[in-house]
Protein backbone atom coordinates (compact mmCIF):
# COMPACT_ATOMS: atom_id res chain seq x y z
CA UNK A 1 0.00 0.00 0.00
CA UNK A 2 1.46 3.42 -0.94
CA UNK A 3 2.34 5.72 1.93
CA UNK A 4 2.27 9.53 1.81
CA UNK A 5 3.81 11.67 4.56
CA UNK A 6 3.09 15.36 5.13
CA UNK A 7 5.59 17.35 7.20
CA UNK A 8 3.77 20.32 8.68
CA UNK A 9 0.31 20.27 10.26
CA UNK A 10 -0.90 23.78 9.52
CA UNK A 11 -3.67 24.86 7.15
CA UNK A 12 -1.72 23.71 4.09
CA UNK A 13 -0.70 20.30 5.39
CA UNK A 14 -4.13 19.50 6.81
CA UNK A 15 -5.87 20.59 3.62
CA UNK A 16 -3.55 18.36 1.59
CA UNK A 17 -4.33 15.36 3.80
CA UNK A 18 -8.10 15.74 3.35
CA UNK A 19 -7.72 16.51 -0.37
CA UNK A 20 -5.90 13.21 -0.87
CA UNK A 21 -8.95 11.40 0.44
CA UNK A 22 -11.31 13.57 -1.61
CA UNK A 23 -9.28 12.61 -4.70
CA UNK A 24 -9.72 8.93 -3.91
CA UNK A 25 -6.26 8.11 -2.54
CA UNK A 26 -6.68 5.04 -0.29
CA UNK A 27 -3.09 4.56 0.84
CA UNK A 28 -1.61 5.58 4.18
CA UNK A 29 -1.61 9.33 4.98
CA UNK A 30 0.46 10.58 7.91
CA UNK A 31 0.46 14.22 9.00
CA UNK A 32 3.26 15.36 11.33
CA UNK A 33 3.06 18.66 13.26
CA UNK A 34 5.44 20.28 15.72
CA UNK A 35 2.73 21.97 17.80
CA UNK A 36 0.77 20.02 20.41
CA UNK A 37 -2.53 21.34 19.02
CA UNK A 38 -4.48 19.94 16.10
CA UNK A 39 -4.13 22.00 12.89
CA UNK A 40 -5.67 25.46 13.27
CA UNK A 41 -6.05 28.64 11.23
CA UNK A 42 -3.55 31.44 11.83
CA UNK A 43 -5.35 34.58 10.51
CA UNK A 44 -7.51 34.91 13.69
CA UNK A 45 -4.40 35.05 15.90
CA UNK A 46 -3.91 38.80 15.42
CA UNK A 47 -7.65 39.52 15.44
CA UNK A 48 -10.36 37.34 17.08
CA UNK A 49 -8.00 35.30 19.24
CA UNK A 50 -6.57 38.52 20.69
CA UNK A 51 -9.80 40.51 21.08
CA UNK A 52 -12.12 37.77 22.35
CA UNK A 53 -9.61 35.36 23.80
CA UNK A 54 -11.20 32.63 21.70
CA UNK A 55 -9.52 29.27 21.42
CA UNK A 56 -7.96 28.02 18.20
CA UNK A 57 -10.13 27.73 15.12
CA UNK A 58 -9.33 24.14 14.26
CA UNK A 59 -9.26 22.96 10.65
CA UNK A 60 -10.96 19.75 11.80
CA UNK A 61 -11.44 17.82 15.02
CA UNK A 62 -9.73 14.56 15.91
CA UNK A 63 -12.80 12.54 14.96
CA UNK A 64 -12.70 13.77 11.38
CA UNK A 65 -9.03 12.87 10.96
CA UNK A 66 -9.82 9.39 12.29
CA UNK A 67 -12.90 9.08 10.09
CA UNK A 68 -10.80 9.89 7.01
CA UNK A 69 -8.08 7.45 7.97
CA UNK A 70 -5.47 10.16 8.45
CA UNK A 71 -2.85 9.46 11.10
CA UNK A 72 -1.91 12.73 12.75
CA UNK A 73 1.21 12.95 14.91
CA UNK A 74 1.36 16.18 16.92
CA UNK A 75 4.13 17.45 19.16
CA UNK A 76 6.79 15.97 16.88
CA UNK A 77 8.73 17.16 13.87
CA UNK A 78 10.45 15.69 10.85
CA UNK A 79 14.15 16.11 11.58
CA UNK A 80 15.73 14.54 8.51
CA UNK A 81 14.87 13.23 5.06
CA UNK A 82 16.66 10.16 3.73
CA UNK A 83 15.95 10.55 0.03
CA UNK A 84 17.66 7.40 -1.24
CA UNK A 85 15.61 5.16 1.05
CA UNK A 86 12.54 7.43 0.92
CA UNK A 87 12.07 7.76 4.66
CA UNK A 88 11.97 10.54 7.25
CA UNK A 89 13.25 10.65 10.81
CA UNK A 90 11.05 12.17 13.53
CA UNK A 91 12.07 14.02 16.67
CA UNK A 92 10.59 11.22 18.81
CA UNK A 93 13.12 8.79 17.35
CA UNK A 94 10.73 7.01 15.01
CA UNK A 95 11.05 6.73 11.25
CA UNK A 96 8.39 6.80 8.52
CA UNK A 97 8.67 5.42 5.00
CA UNK A 98 7.13 7.43 2.18
CA UNK A 99 6.33 7.01 -1.48
CA UNK A 100 5.55 10.72 -1.76
CA UNK A 101 6.48 13.42 0.75
CA UNK A 102 4.92 16.87 1.08
CA UNK A 103 6.82 19.63 2.86
CA UNK A 104 4.32 22.10 4.31
CA UNK A 105 6.70 23.45 6.93
CA UNK A 106 5.44 27.04 6.78
CA UNK A 107 7.43 30.01 7.99
CA UNK A 108 8.76 31.40 11.26
CA UNK A 109 8.49 34.91 12.63
CA UNK A 110 11.59 36.98 11.92
CA UNK A 111 13.29 38.19 15.09
CA UNK A 112 15.38 41.29 15.70
CA UNK A 113 18.94 40.45 16.69
CA UNK A 114 18.79 43.37 19.13
CA UNK A 115 15.59 42.05 20.69
CA UNK A 116 15.43 38.25 20.71
CA UNK A 117 12.11 36.79 21.82
CA UNK A 118 12.25 36.27 25.60
CA UNK A 119 8.81 34.69 26.19
CA UNK A 120 8.34 37.43 28.76
CA UNK A 121 8.23 41.09 27.66
CA UNK A 122 9.57 40.68 24.10
CA UNK A 123 7.51 38.44 21.84
CA UNK A 124 6.59 37.57 18.27
CA UNK A 125 3.14 36.47 17.06
CA UNK A 126 3.08 33.21 15.15
CA UNK A 127 1.29 30.57 17.24
CA UNK A 128 -1.84 30.36 19.36
CA UNK A 129 0.44 30.23 22.40
CA UNK A 130 1.97 33.55 21.32
CA UNK A 131 -1.51 35.08 21.01
CA UNK A 132 -2.50 33.93 24.50
CA UNK A 133 0.68 35.34 26.01
CA UNK A 134 0.32 38.67 24.20
CA UNK A 135 -3.33 39.03 25.18
CA UNK A 136 -2.44 38.77 28.87
CA UNK A 137 -0.73 42.18 28.51
CA UNK A 138 -3.52 43.90 26.60
CA UNK A 139 -5.40 45.51 29.48
CA UNK A 140 -6.64 49.04 30.02
CA UNK A 141 -3.67 51.23 30.90
CA UNK A 142 -0.97 48.83 29.72
CA UNK A 143 1.58 50.10 27.21
CA UNK A 144 2.27 48.03 24.09
CA UNK A 145 5.06 48.74 21.59
CA UNK A 146 5.05 47.09 18.18
CA UNK A 147 7.99 47.09 15.78
CA UNK A 148 6.85 46.65 12.19
CA UNK A 149 4.16 48.36 10.14
CA UNK A 150 3.10 45.35 8.10
CA UNK A 151 -0.18 43.47 8.32
CA UNK A 152 0.56 41.59 11.54
CA UNK A 153 1.76 44.67 13.39
CA UNK A 154 -1.21 46.77 12.27
CA UNK A 155 -3.81 44.09 12.96
CA UNK A 156 -2.35 43.57 16.41
CA UNK A 157 -2.35 47.34 17.03
CA UNK A 158 -6.06 47.50 16.18
CA UNK A 159 -6.84 44.57 18.48
CA UNK A 160 -4.82 46.07 21.33
CA UNK A 161 -6.68 49.38 21.05
CA UNK A 162 -10.01 47.56 21.15
CA UNK A 163 -8.94 46.11 24.50
CA UNK A 164 -7.89 49.50 25.85
CA UNK A 165 -4.10 49.19 25.80
CA UNK A 166 -2.05 52.17 24.63
CA UNK A 167 -0.08 51.38 21.48
CA UNK A 168 3.08 52.78 19.93
CA UNK A 169 3.89 51.34 16.53
CA UNK A 170 7.39 51.83 15.12
CA UNK A 171 8.15 51.49 11.41
CA UNK A 172 11.61 52.06 9.97
CA UNK A 173 10.41 53.00 6.48
CA UNK A 174 8.61 56.20 5.57
CA UNK A 175 5.15 54.61 5.62
CA UNK A 176 3.36 51.45 6.69
CA UNK A 177 2.51 48.57 4.36
CA UNK A 178 5.30 49.22 1.88
CA UNK A 179 5.21 45.68 0.51
CA UNK A 180 2.50 45.34 -2.11
CA UNK A 181 0.10 48.02 -0.84
CA UNK A 182 -0.31 51.35 -2.69
CA UNK A 183 0.47 54.55 -0.81
CA UNK A 184 -3.13 55.79 -1.10
CA UNK A 185 -4.43 52.75 0.79
CA UNK A 186 -1.60 52.86 3.32
CA UNK A 187 -2.56 56.46 4.07
CA UNK A 188 -6.16 55.45 4.81
CA UNK A 189 -4.92 52.72 7.15
CA UNK A 190 -2.50 55.09 8.91
CA UNK A 191 -5.20 57.71 9.43
CA UNK A 192 -7.59 55.10 10.84
CA UNK A 193 -4.97 53.93 13.34
CA UNK A 194 -4.06 57.43 14.42
CA UNK A 195 -7.74 58.22 14.78
CA UNK A 196 -8.06 55.22 17.09
CA UNK A 197 -5.24 56.53 19.29
CA UNK A 198 -2.25 54.58 17.99
CA UNK A 199 1.01 56.53 18.21
CA UNK A 200 2.24 55.63 14.73
CA UNK A 201 5.89 56.57 14.12
CA UNK A 202 7.40 56.02 10.66
CA UNK A 203 10.95 56.59 9.45
CA UNK A 204 12.39 55.87 12.89
CA UNK A 205 15.71 54.26 13.75
CA UNK A 206 16.25 52.21 16.89
CA UNK A 207 19.47 52.65 18.84
CA UNK A 208 18.92 50.14 21.65
CA UNK A 209 16.35 47.84 23.24
CA UNK A 210 16.60 46.96 26.92
CA UNK A 211 14.35 44.44 28.65
CA UNK A 212 13.91 45.17 32.35
CA UNK A 213 11.94 43.20 34.96
CA UNK A 214 9.02 45.66 34.81
CA UNK A 215 9.19 47.03 31.25
CA UNK A 216 10.98 47.23 27.92
CA UNK A 217 12.79 50.46 27.03
CA UNK A 218 13.31 51.30 23.35
CA UNK A 219 15.82 54.08 22.69
CA UNK A 220 15.58 55.73 19.29
CA UNK A 221 18.45 57.30 17.36
CA UNK A 222 17.00 60.74 18.10
CA UNK A 223 17.29 59.89 21.84
CA UNK A 224 13.60 59.52 22.45
CA UNK A 225 12.82 56.65 24.82
CA UNK A 226 9.65 54.56 24.57
CA UNK A 227 8.72 52.47 27.60
CA UNK A 228 6.32 49.56 27.21
CA UNK A 229 4.96 46.69 29.27
CA UNK A 230 5.28 44.48 26.19
CA UNK A 231 7.22 44.70 22.92
CA UNK A 232 5.96 42.68 19.96
CA UNK A 233 8.28 42.29 16.97
CA UNK A 234 6.34 42.02 13.72
CA UNK A 235 8.91 42.39 10.95
CA UNK A 236 7.88 39.57 8.67
CA UNK A 237 8.74 35.91 8.47
CA UNK A 238 11.29 33.55 7.00
CA UNK A 239 10.43 30.28 5.22
CA UNK A 240 11.28 27.09 7.08
CA UNK A 241 13.73 25.51 4.65
CA UNK A 242 16.32 23.89 6.96
CA UNK A 243 14.88 20.40 6.52
CA UNK A 244 14.79 20.69 2.72
CA UNK A 245 18.20 22.33 2.57
CA UNK A 246 19.80 19.58 4.64
CA UNK A 247 18.30 17.02 2.26
CA UNK A 248 19.93 18.76 -0.72
CA UNK A 249 16.74 20.15 -2.28
CA UNK A 250 16.94 23.34 -4.33
CA UNK A 251 16.32 26.53 -2.34
CA UNK A 252 15.35 29.89 -3.87
CA UNK A 253 13.59 32.26 -1.45
CA UNK A 254 11.97 29.17 -0.01
CA UNK A 255 11.91 25.57 -1.17
CA UNK A 256 12.01 25.86 -4.97
CA UNK A 257 9.19 24.01 -6.71
CA UNK A 258 7.94 23.82 -10.30
CA UNK A 259 4.47 24.70 -11.57
CA UNK A 260 3.18 21.41 -10.13
CA UNK A 261 4.69 22.07 -6.65
CA UNK A 262 7.33 19.39 -7.22
CA UNK A 263 10.77 20.02 -5.71
CA UNK A 264 14.09 19.06 -7.29
CA UNK A 265 13.33 15.52 -6.05
CA UNK A 266 10.38 14.10 -8.05
CA UNK A 267 9.01 12.27 -5.00
CA UNK A 268 8.98 15.36 -2.77
CA UNK A 269 6.54 18.24 -3.06
CA UNK A 270 6.32 21.53 -1.15
CA UNK A 271 3.44 23.95 -0.67
CA UNK A 272 2.35 27.03 1.25
CA UNK A 273 4.49 29.64 3.01
CA UNK A 274 7.67 27.55 2.77
CA UNK A 275 7.96 27.37 -1.03
CA UNK A 276 8.62 29.62 -4.01
CA UNK A 277 7.06 28.81 -7.35
CA UNK A 278 6.77 30.09 -10.94
CA UNK A 279 3.52 31.97 -11.53
CA UNK A 280 2.35 31.50 -15.12
CA UNK A 281 -0.01 34.49 -14.97
CA UNK A 282 3.07 36.70 -14.61
CA UNK A 283 5.40 35.15 -17.14
CA UNK A 284 6.75 32.48 -14.84
CA UNK A 285 8.02 34.96 -12.23
CA UNK A 286 9.09 33.06 -9.13
CA UNK A 287 7.21 34.20 -6.04
CA UNK A 288 6.60 33.12 -2.47
CA UNK A 289 3.23 33.95 -0.96
CA UNK A 290 2.25 34.09 2.70
CA UNK A 291 -1.54 33.99 2.87
CA UNK A 292 -4.32 31.77 4.13
CA UNK A 293 -5.82 31.19 0.70
CA UNK A 294 -2.51 30.33 -0.91
CA UNK A 295 -1.87 27.72 1.80
CA UNK A 296 -5.36 26.28 1.37
CA UNK A 297 -5.24 26.14 -2.43
CA UNK A 298 -1.70 24.81 -2.66
CA UNK A 299 -2.48 22.08 -0.14
CA UNK A 300 -5.23 20.81 -2.42
CA UNK A 301 -3.10 21.23 -5.54
CA UNK A 302 -0.15 19.37 -4.01
CA UNK A 303 -2.44 16.49 -3.09
CA UNK A 304 -3.73 16.27 -6.65
CA UNK A 305 -0.24 16.23 -8.12
CA UNK A 306 1.12 13.73 -5.60
CA UNK A 307 -1.28 11.23 -7.13
CA UNK A 308 -0.35 12.20 -10.70
CA UNK A 309 -2.82 14.89 -11.76
CA UNK A 310 -0.13 17.22 -13.17
CA UNK A 311 -2.28 20.31 -12.57
CA UNK A 312 -0.35 23.63 -12.81
CA UNK A 313 -0.56 26.57 -10.43
CA UNK A 314 -3.12 28.90 -11.96
CA UNK A 315 -4.70 31.02 -9.21
CA UNK A 316 -4.07 34.76 -8.97
CA UNK A 317 -2.64 35.83 -5.60
CA UNK A 318 -5.22 37.22 -3.18
CA UNK A 319 -4.87 38.66 0.30
CA UNK A 320 -7.03 40.45 2.84
CA UNK A 321 -6.69 42.21 6.18
CA UNK A 322 -9.31 43.45 8.64
CA UNK A 323 -8.48 46.43 10.87
CA UNK A 324 -11.16 48.14 12.94
CA UNK A 325 -14.15 48.54 10.59
CA UNK A 326 -11.97 48.49 7.46
CA UNK A 327 -11.28 45.60 5.12
CA UNK A 328 -8.32 45.72 2.73
CA UNK A 329 -8.12 43.29 -0.18
CA UNK A 330 -5.50 42.79 -2.88
CA UNK A 331 -5.74 40.59 -5.97
CA UNK A 332 -2.80 39.96 -8.28
CA UNK A 333 0.72 41.41 -8.28
CA UNK A 334 1.20 45.09 -9.13
CA UNK A 335 4.92 44.88 -9.92
CA UNK A 336 5.46 46.15 -13.46
CA UNK A 337 2.35 48.34 -13.51
CA UNK A 338 2.70 51.73 -15.23
CA UNK A 339 -0.87 52.99 -14.89
CA UNK A 340 -3.18 53.14 -11.89
CA UNK A 341 -6.90 53.80 -12.23
CA UNK A 342 -9.08 54.70 -9.24
CA UNK A 343 -12.69 53.58 -8.87
CA UNK A 344 -14.65 55.23 -6.04
CA UNK A 345 -17.39 52.98 -4.68
CA UNK A 346 -18.48 55.38 -1.92
CA UNK A 347 -17.08 58.19 0.17
CA UNK A 348 -15.18 55.62 2.23
CA UNK A 349 -14.42 52.84 -0.24
CA UNK A 350 -12.31 52.71 -3.40
CA UNK A 351 -10.36 50.31 -5.59
CA UNK A 352 -7.12 50.94 -7.47
CA UNK A 353 -6.56 49.01 -10.70
CA UNK A 354 -2.94 48.50 -11.79
CA UNK A 355 -2.22 48.00 -15.52
CA UNK A 356 0.98 47.34 -17.41
CA UNK A 357 2.24 49.26 -20.44
CA UNK A 358 0.05 47.24 -22.80
CA UNK A 359 -3.09 47.81 -20.74
CA UNK A 360 -3.25 44.38 -19.17
CA UNK A 361 -4.78 44.31 -15.68
CA UNK A 362 -2.09 43.08 -13.29
CA UNK A 363 -3.61 43.77 -9.89
CA UNK A 364 -6.39 45.47 -7.94
CA UNK A 365 -6.15 46.91 -4.43
CA UNK A 366 -9.11 48.14 -2.43
CA UNK A 367 -10.18 49.35 0.98
CA UNK A 368 -13.51 50.16 2.60
CA UNK A 369 -15.76 49.37 5.55
CA UNK A 370 -17.15 45.86 5.86
CA UNK A 371 -17.70 44.03 2.57
CA UNK A 372 -18.02 47.11 0.35
CA UNK A 373 -15.11 46.16 -1.91
CA UNK A 374 -15.36 42.35 -1.81
CA UNK A 375 -17.48 41.80 -4.93
CA UNK A 376 -15.48 44.11 -7.18
CA UNK A 377 -12.16 42.69 -6.00
CA UNK A 378 -13.44 39.19 -6.77
CA UNK A 379 -14.43 40.30 -10.28
CA UNK A 380 -11.07 42.03 -10.71
CA UNK A 381 -9.37 38.78 -9.74
CA UNK A 382 -11.32 37.03 -12.51
CA UNK A 383 -10.30 39.73 -15.00
CA UNK A 384 -6.66 39.22 -14.03
CA UNK A 385 -6.91 35.44 -14.43
CA UNK A 386 -8.55 35.93 -17.84
CA UNK A 387 -5.63 38.12 -19.01
CA UNK A 388 -7.95 41.04 -19.85
CA UNK A 389 -7.05 44.52 -21.10
CA UNK A 390 -10.04 46.53 -19.84
CA UNK A 391 -10.77 50.11 -20.86
CA UNK A 392 -9.31 52.35 -18.10
CA UNK A 393 -12.30 54.72 -18.39
CA UNK A 394 -14.65 51.80 -17.74
CA UNK A 395 -12.61 50.73 -14.72
CA UNK A 396 -12.89 54.23 -13.27
CA UNK A 397 -16.66 54.47 -13.76
CA UNK A 398 -18.59 52.85 -10.88
CA UNK A 399 -21.78 52.82 -12.95
CA UNK A 400 -20.12 50.34 -15.34
CA UNK A 401 -20.21 46.94 -13.70
CA UNK A 402 -17.01 44.93 -13.74
CA UNK A 403 -19.11 41.91 -14.62
CA UNK A 404 -19.81 43.60 -17.96
CA UNK A 405 -16.07 43.92 -18.62
CA UNK A 406 -15.58 40.27 -17.78
CA UNK A 407 -18.33 39.21 -20.16
CA UNK A 408 -17.08 41.45 -23.01
């Protein structure tokens, strides 16, 4: 009986395990995860899990894994891959044989060398345990400092303000959300945070960070000192490639895979945050995406290709973030755009369409309260996938439905 092993029990790995069964694979499926919890979703960690104190949002309960005949090993990790014999060693000393192996090892929070995570007053946010520990500090009157003006830092800032903590957010660049988010949208986000009482400081340089028994002191280059009860470092993540690298697999900003998620070893696949892949929609440009939907979709795609489907990566990138009453969504990749067209949906909601020099729609970025932009971003995503060259004037006119452009 064939045996498939999945290293990494997050959203991607769990989705792959269930997708194998949905595709009719009746061999052995073993899912190995380093955390002691069953697979859970990470997006709520900076939002619902912080604000409400809710427990993990599990991908599935233990009964469903058992019902599907999926063996799940938690609290252990794959420590080595023996490619010649097609087996993996686990941290508990056991060994598993595989016919196909999927690496869904995810990514780890990037730490500041000057402020290593102490599990006390300096932390990162990556796991449910991190969220629980951070929430214990988010009380009325407590002071929270956050380094990093990306999505995690901003979402956490919004959650902390909802709980009454004072927040200082420090960003080294001249604005927040510099990676993949247009300046117009970043300005809306910044204004919303400042309006909620966040002390948002951009273009700052840190001279020193000192953790004391009762607080953390952050000294800036201009000699200002920021004191906080908790410092959270949110400066991005790094793909977990050590296992693949030690096994001699190709690495390129993550575990390098082809359009079918196959690594340089034909019996080993990789998916989710840990891998980089060629994106056909953008001329084969190699990218690495960190998003819930990418993990979910690639888990299913990896499962299909592990059993020989040979289905290529075809989805356009998509990402969202909720902060206060605002929802931000991005479809596609704007790199290479030369024209931006704005479409106002209301006084508080708009979408920016990004086109290349030939008029092809590369990406769409939008922001607004609630679900005001969701439908148009979804239609824009379909236009991107269809390789359309829509009339810029039509994109700018809210009375012209995007569905009409898709049908044209």
